[in-house]
């Protein structure tokens, strides 16, 4: 009689444990890569919007005003609220600024602030990767948020002080106030 060779239960358990560990590490790495990819998209989006804001400034002599984190530069005479994800156009003279204003790729939102004269602006976003060198940091060099900004949606509610990345007009030299460490 031939004796059949097979794996023992212990050998099978060891192999399954090793495979589970490798799958867990792979999924964690994959999630991190996705976060970094969305963060890079956010940075590119804000740079694109920033360039468009300069075009708007050339046409009107001021940056668009802001309202509730949105840009007031669409519609008739570019005085209506723009919607993230929609076209940015002055319908009075058919000037197209952007065929689609970028939306946050992760379901949060971008936030726009302008001073009352339209001489400066700040664009905010929430970056998921807290190790990113471009996010807001407090005096202890811990990750922090910008005061008075609404970027992140938590449990279907837009939360205050949740933007941690900013792009500013070139005539601004100081960053906004920082609050709340993570």
C-alpha atoms as a PDB file:
ATOM      1  CA  UNK A   1       0.000   0.000   0.000  1.00  0.00           C
ATOM      2  CA  UNK A   2       1.137   3.484  -0.854  1.00  0.00           C
ATOM      3  CA  UNK A   3       1.015   6.096   1.836  1.00  0.00           C
ATOM      4  CA  UNK A   4      -0.579   9.366   0.657  1.00  0.00           C
ATOM      5  CA  UNK A   5       1.335  12.534   1.438  1.00  0.00           C
ATOM      6  CA  UNK A   6      -0.619  15.607   2.524  1.00  0.00           C
ATOM      7  CA  UNK A   7      -0.147  18.795   4.478  1.00  0.00           C
ATOM      8  CA  UNK A   8      -0.749  18.689   8.191  1.00  0.00           C
ATOM      9  CA  UNK A   9      -3.257  20.981   9.832  1.00  0.00           C
ATOM     10  CA  UNK A  10      -0.431  22.951  11.453  1.00  0.00           C
ATOM     11  CA  UNK A  11       1.290  23.537   8.106  1.00  0.00           C
ATOM     12  CA  UNK A  12      -1.971  24.748   6.567  1.00  0.00           C
ATOM     13  CA  UNK A  13      -2.585  27.157   9.473  1.00  0.00           C
ATOM     14  CA  UNK A  14       0.927  28.598   9.177  1.00  0.00           C
ATOM     15  CA  UNK A  15       0.528  29.162   5.427  1.00  0.00           C
ATOM     16  CA  UNK A  16      -2.903  30.789   5.927  1.00  0.00           C
ATOM     17  CA  UNK A  17      -1.505  33.089   8.640  1.00  0.00           C
ATOM     18  CA  UNK A  18       1.340  34.191   6.367  1.00  0.00           C
ATOM     19  CA  UNK A  19      -1.081  34.819   3.494  1.00  0.00           C
ATOM     20  CA  UNK A  20      -3.399  36.836   5.761  1.00  0.00           C
ATOM     21  CA  UNK A  21      -0.463  38.958   6.899  1.00  0.00           C
ATOM     22  CA  UNK A  22       0.640  39.625   3.311  1.00  0.00           C
ATOM     23  CA  UNK A  23      -2.905  40.501   2.211  1.00  0.00           C
ATOM     24  CA  UNK A  24      -3.285  42.873   5.181  1.00  0.00           C
ATOM     25  CA  UNK A  25      -0.037  44.658   4.363  1.00  0.00           C
ATOM     26  CA  UNK A  26      -0.998  44.877   0.697  1.00  0.00           C
ATOM     27  CA  UNK A  27      -4.401  46.384   1.470  1.00  0.00           C
ATOM     28  CA  UNK A  28      -2.878  48.924   3.834  1.00  0.00           C
ATOM     29  CA  UNK A  29      -0.330  49.977   1.224  1.00  0.00           C
ATOM     30  CA  UNK A  30      -3.031  50.150  -1.446  1.00  0.00           C
ATOM     31  CA  UNK A  31      -5.175  52.397   0.799  1.00  0.00           C
ATOM     32  CA  UNK A  32      -2.220  54.692   1.423  1.00  0.00           C
ATOM     33  CA  UNK A  33      -1.504  54.954  -2.292  1.00  0.00           C
ATOM     34  CA  UNK A  34      -5.149  55.855  -2.943  1.00  0.00           C
ATOM     35  CA  UNK A  35      -5.041  58.594  -0.275  1.00  0.00           C
ATOM     36  CA  UNK A  36      -1.887  60.082  -1.756  1.00  0.00           C
ATOM     37  CA  UNK A  37      -3.406  59.945  -5.228  1.00  0.00           C
ATOM     38  CA  UNK A  38      -6.533  61.828  -4.087  1.00  0.00           C
ATOM     39  CA  UNK A  39      -4.345  64.364  -2.250  1.00  0.00           C
ATOM     40  CA  UNK A  40      -2.267  64.974  -5.392  1.00  0.00           C
ATOM     41  CA  UNK A  41      -5.503  65.476  -7.354  1.00  0.00           C
ATOM     42  CA  UNK A  42      -6.660  68.020  -4.738  1.00  0.00           C
ATOM     43  CA  UNK A  43      -3.398  69.942  -5.024  1.00  0.00           C
ATOM     44  CA  UNK A  44      -3.621  69.976  -8.825  1.00  0.00           C
ATOM     45  CA  UNK A  45      -7.265  71.083  -8.669  1.00  0.00           C
ATOM     46  CA  UNK A  46      -6.461  74.047  -6.429  1.00  0.00           C
ATOM     47  CA  UNK A  47      -3.559  75.047  -8.685  1.00  0.00           C
ATOM     48  CA  UNK A  48      -5.899  74.968 -11.717  1.00  0.00           C
ATOM     49  CA  UNK A  49      -8.500  77.050  -9.905  1.00  0.00           C
ATOM     50  CA  UNK A  50      -5.762  79.453  -8.805  1.00  0.00           C
ATOM     51  CA  UNK A  51      -4.676  79.998 -12.419  1.00  0.00           C
ATOM     52  CA  UNK A  52      -8.287  80.594 -13.425  1.00  0.00           C
ATOM     53  CA  UNK A  53      -8.670  83.114 -10.612  1.00  0.00           C
ATOM     54  CA  UNK A  54      -5.795  85.067 -12.180  1.00  0.00           C
ATOM     55  CA  UNK A  55      -7.667  85.109 -15.527  1.00  0.00           C
ATOM     56  CA  UNK A  56     -10.760  86.375 -13.723  1.00  0.00           C
ATOM     57  CA  UNK A  57      -8.642  89.078 -12.053  1.00  0.00           C
ATOM     58  CA  UNK A  58      -7.364  90.212 -15.465  1.00  0.00           C
ATOM     59  CA  UNK A  59     -10.965  90.592 -16.695  1.00  0.00           C
ATOM     60  CA  UNK A  60     -12.480  92.322 -13.665  1.00  0.00           C
ATOM     61  CA  UNK A  61      -9.577  93.924 -11.788  1.00  0.00           C
ATOM     62  CA  UNK A  62     -10.369  91.901  -8.650  1.00  0.00           C
ATOM     63  CA  UNK A  63     -10.708  88.282  -7.597  1.00  0.00           C
ATOM     64  CA  UNK A  64     -14.229  86.884  -7.313  1.00  0.00           C
ATOM     65  CA  UNK A  65     -15.878  87.409  -3.976  1.00  0.00           C
ATOM     66  CA  UNK A  66     -16.659  84.412  -1.792  1.00  0.00           C
ATOM     67  CA  UNK A  67     -19.817  83.263  -0.067  1.00  0.00           C
ATOM     68  CA  UNK A  68     -19.967  80.272   2.244  1.00  0.00           C
ATOM     69  CA  UNK A  69     -16.801  78.812   0.757  1.00  0.00           C
ATOM     70  CA  UNK A  70     -18.020  79.163  -2.828  1.00  0.00           C
ATOM     71  CA  UNK A  71     -16.822  81.445  -5.609  1.00  0.00           C
ATOM     72  CA  UNK A  72     -19.143  84.301  -6.650  1.00  0.00           C
ATOM     73  CA  UNK A  73     -18.060  84.518 -10.268  1.00  0.00           C
ATOM     74  CA  UNK A  74     -20.572  82.646 -12.421  1.00  0.00           C
ATOM     75  CA  UNK A  75     -23.709  83.569 -14.310  1.00  0.00           C
ATOM     76  CA  UNK A  76     -24.877  87.018 -15.358  1.00  0.00           C
ATOM     77  CA  UNK A  77     -21.992  89.520 -15.051  1.00  0.00           C
ATOM     78  CA  UNK A  78     -20.091  86.834 -13.086  1.00  0.00           C
ATOM     79  CA  UNK A  79     -21.955  87.718  -9.896  1.00  0.00           C
ATOM     80  CA  UNK A  80     -23.662  84.419  -9.077  1.00  0.00           C
ATOM     81  CA  UNK A  81     -22.464  81.577  -6.875  1.00  0.00           C
ATOM     82  CA  UNK A  82     -20.453  78.937  -8.704  1.00  0.00           C
ATOM     83  CA  UNK A  83     -21.150  75.297  -7.893  1.00  0.00           C
ATOM     84  CA  UNK A  84     -18.222  72.907  -7.504  1.00  0.00           C
ATOM     85  CA  UNK A  85     -18.419  70.471 -10.419  1.00  0.00           C
ATOM     86  CA  UNK A  86     -20.334  72.853 -12.730  1.00  0.00           C
ATOM     87  CA  UNK A  87     -19.207  75.187 -15.486  1.00  0.00           C
ATOM     88  CA  UNK A  88     -17.570  78.510 -14.538  1.00  0.00           C
ATOM     89  CA  UNK A  89     -18.803  81.030 -17.055  1.00  0.00           C
ATOM     90  CA  UNK A  90     -19.764  84.688 -17.261  1.00  0.00           C
ATOM     91  CA  UNK A  91     -23.023  84.352 -19.207  1.00  0.00           C
ATOM     92  CA  UNK A  92     -23.215  88.071 -20.020  1.00  0.00           C
ATOM     93  CA  UNK A  93     -20.306  87.922 -22.465  1.00  0.00           C
ATOM     94  CA  UNK A  94     -19.975  84.087 -22.736  1.00  0.00           C
ATOM     95  CA  UNK A  95     -16.512  84.075 -21.169  1.00  0.00           C
ATOM     96  CA  UNK A  96     -15.728  80.495 -20.174  1.00  0.00           C
ATOM     97  CA  UNK A  97     -13.293  80.293 -17.259  1.00  0.00           C
ATOM     98  CA  UNK A  98     -13.523  76.541 -16.621  1.00  0.00           C
ATOM     99  CA  UNK A  99     -15.636  73.926 -18.352  1.00  0.00           C
ATOM    100  CA  UNK A 100     -15.943  72.208 -14.982  1.00  0.00           C
ATOM    101  CA  UNK A 101     -14.857  73.577 -11.619  1.00  0.00           C
ATOM    102  CA  UNK A 102     -13.057  70.676  -9.933  1.00  0.00           C
ATOM    103  CA  UNK A 103     -14.726  68.813  -7.088  1.00  0.00           C
ATOM    104  CA  UNK A 104     -12.962  67.108  -4.222  1.00  0.00           C
ATOM    105  CA  UNK A 105     -12.245  63.511  -5.326  1.00  0.00           C
ATOM    106  CA  UNK A 106     -12.986  62.075  -1.883  1.00  0.00           C
ATOM    107  CA  UNK A 107     -16.451  63.479  -1.258  1.00  0.00           C
ATOM    108  CA  UNK A 108     -15.394  66.464   0.836  1.00  0.00           C
ATOM    109  CA  UNK A 109     -15.399  69.984  -0.623  1.00  0.00           C
ATOM    110  CA  UNK A 110     -13.056  72.804  -1.468  1.00  0.00           C
ATOM    111  CA  UNK A 111     -13.452  76.120   0.352  1.00  0.00           C
ATOM    112  CA  UNK A 112     -12.854  79.605  -1.125  1.00  0.00           C
ATOM    113  CA  UNK A 113     -12.273  82.847   0.785  1.00  0.00           C
ATOM    114  CA  UNK A 114     -11.702  86.332  -0.605  1.00  0.00           C
ATOM    115  CA  UNK A 115     -11.243  89.636   1.171  1.00  0.00           C
ATOM    116  CA  UNK A 116     -14.047  92.189   0.859  1.00  0.00           C
ATOM    117  CA  UNK A 117     -12.228  94.167  -1.889  1.00  0.00           C
ATOM    118  CA  UNK A 118     -11.318  91.096  -3.959  1.00  0.00           C
ATOM    119  CA  UNK A 119      -7.591  91.827  -3.694  1.00  0.00           C
ATOM    120  CA  UNK A 120      -6.645  88.454  -2.162  1.00  0.00           C
ATOM    121  CA  UNK A 121      -7.970  84.911  -2.020  1.00  0.00           C
ATOM    122  CA  UNK A 122      -7.353  81.613  -0.288  1.00  0.00           C
ATOM    123  CA  UNK A 123      -8.394  78.164  -1.529  1.00  0.00           C
ATOM    124  CA  UNK A 124      -8.609  75.360   1.015  1.00  0.00           C
ATOM    125  CA  UNK A 125      -8.822  71.572   0.876  1.00  0.00           C
ATOM    126  CA  UNK A 126      -8.655  68.633   3.259  1.00  0.00           C
ATOM    127  CA  UNK A 127      -5.679  66.323   2.631  1.00  0.00           C
ATOM    128  CA  UNK A 128      -6.139  62.804   3.982  1.00  0.00           C
ATOM    129  CA  UNK A 129      -2.440  61.994   4.403  1.00  0.00           C
ATOM    130  CA  UNK A 130      -1.411  63.616   7.694  1.00  0.00           C
ATOM    131  CA  UNK A 131       2.245  62.929   6.842  1.00  0.00           C
ATOM    132  CA  UNK A 132       2.066  65.255   3.811  1.00  0.00           C
ATOM    133  CA  UNK A 133       4.601  68.055   4.154  1.00  0.00           C
ATOM    134  CA  UNK A 134       2.167  70.660   2.771  1.00  0.00           C
ATOM    135  CA  UNK A 135      -0.553  70.407   5.423  1.00  0.00           C
ATOM    136  CA  UNK A 136      -1.085  72.941   8.196  1.00  0.00           C
ATOM    137  CA  UNK A 137       1.084  72.435  11.270  1.00  0.00           C
ATOM    138  CA  UNK A 138       0.853  73.967  14.740  1.00  0.00           C
ATOM    139  CA  UNK A 139       3.755  75.342  16.777  1.00  0.00           C
ATOM    140  CA  UNK A 140       4.669  71.790  17.898  1.00  0.00           C
ATOM    141  CA  UNK A 141       4.834  70.700  14.235  1.00  0.00           C
ATOM    142  CA  UNK A 142       1.750  68.513  14.688  1.00  0.00           C
ATOM    143  CA  UNK A 143      -0.902  68.357  11.942  1.00  0.00           C
ATOM    144  CA  UNK A 144      -3.573  71.056  12.398  1.00  0.00           C
ATOM    145  CA  UNK A 145      -6.483  72.833  10.639  1.00  0.00           C
ATOM    146  CA  UNK A 146      -7.151  76.356   9.370  1.00  0.00           C
ATOM    147  CA  UNK A 147      -9.605  78.400  11.426  1.00  0.00           C
ATOM    148  CA  UNK A 148     -13.083  79.097  10.041  1.00  0.00           C
ATOM    149  CA  UNK A 149     -12.925  76.658   7.127  1.00  0.00           C
ATOM    150  CA  UNK A 150     -15.340  73.881   6.153  1.00  0.00           C
ATOM    151  CA  UNK A 151     -13.875  71.148   3.926  1.00  0.00           C
ATOM    152  CA  UNK A 152     -14.510  67.746   5.414  1.00  0.00           C
ATOM    153  CA  UNK A 153     -17.844  66.005   5.637  1.00  0.00           C
ATOM    154  CA  UNK A 154     -18.073  63.810   8.732  1.00  0.00           C
ATOM    155  CA  UNK A 155     -21.161  61.607   9.118  1.00  0.00           C
ATOM    156  CA  UNK A 156     -23.016  63.596   6.398  1.00  0.00           C
ATOM    157  CA  UNK A 157     -22.391  66.888   8.259  1.00  0.00           C
ATOM    158  CA  UNK A 158     -19.961  69.529   7.025  1.00  0.00           C
ATOM    159  CA  UNK A 159     -17.560  70.105   9.923  1.00  0.00           C
ATOM    160  CA  UNK A 160     -15.945  73.408  10.902  1.00  0.00           C
ATOM    161  CA  UNK A 161     -12.143  73.839  10.925  1.00  0.00           C
ATOM    162  CA  UNK A 162     -11.414  70.816   8.767  1.00  0.00           C
ATOM    163  CA  UNK A 163      -9.266  72.258   5.982  1.00  0.00           C
ATOM    164  CA  UNK A 164      -5.558  71.531   6.346  1.00  0.00           C
ATOM    165  CA  UNK A 165      -4.147  72.680   2.988  1.00  0.00           C
ATOM    166  CA  UNK A 166      -4.194  76.143   1.425  1.00  0.00           C
ATOM    167  CA  UNK A 167      -3.274  77.851  -1.862  1.00  0.00           C
ATOM    168  CA  UNK A 168      -3.159  81.650  -1.629  1.00  0.00           C
ATOM    169  CA  UNK A 169      -2.991  84.560  -4.036  1.00  0.00           C
ATOM    170  CA  UNK A 170       0.598  85.564  -4.721  1.00  0.00           C
ATOM    171  CA  UNK A 171       0.185  88.891  -2.898  1.00  0.00           C
ATOM    172  CA  UNK A 172      -0.413  87.119   0.442  1.00  0.00           C
ATOM    173  CA  UNK A 173       2.594  86.251   2.567  1.00  0.00           C
ATOM    174  CA  UNK A 174       1.038  84.974   5.792  1.00  0.00           C
ATOM    175  CA  UNK A 175      -0.970  81.808   6.204  1.00  0.00           C
ATOM    176  CA  UNK A 176      -4.381  81.840   7.902  1.00  0.00           C
ATOM    177  CA  UNK A 177      -4.822  81.108  11.606  1.00  0.00           C
ATOM    178  CA  UNK A 178      -4.261  77.515  12.649  1.00  0.00           C
ATOM    179  CA  UNK A 179      -6.386  75.730  15.251  1.00  0.00           C
ATOM    180  CA  UNK A 180      -7.062  72.238  16.611  1.00  0.00           C
ATOM    181  CA  UNK A 181      -4.419  69.602  16.364  1.00  0.00           C
ATOM    182  CA  UNK A 182      -5.556  66.242  15.055  1.00  0.00           C
END
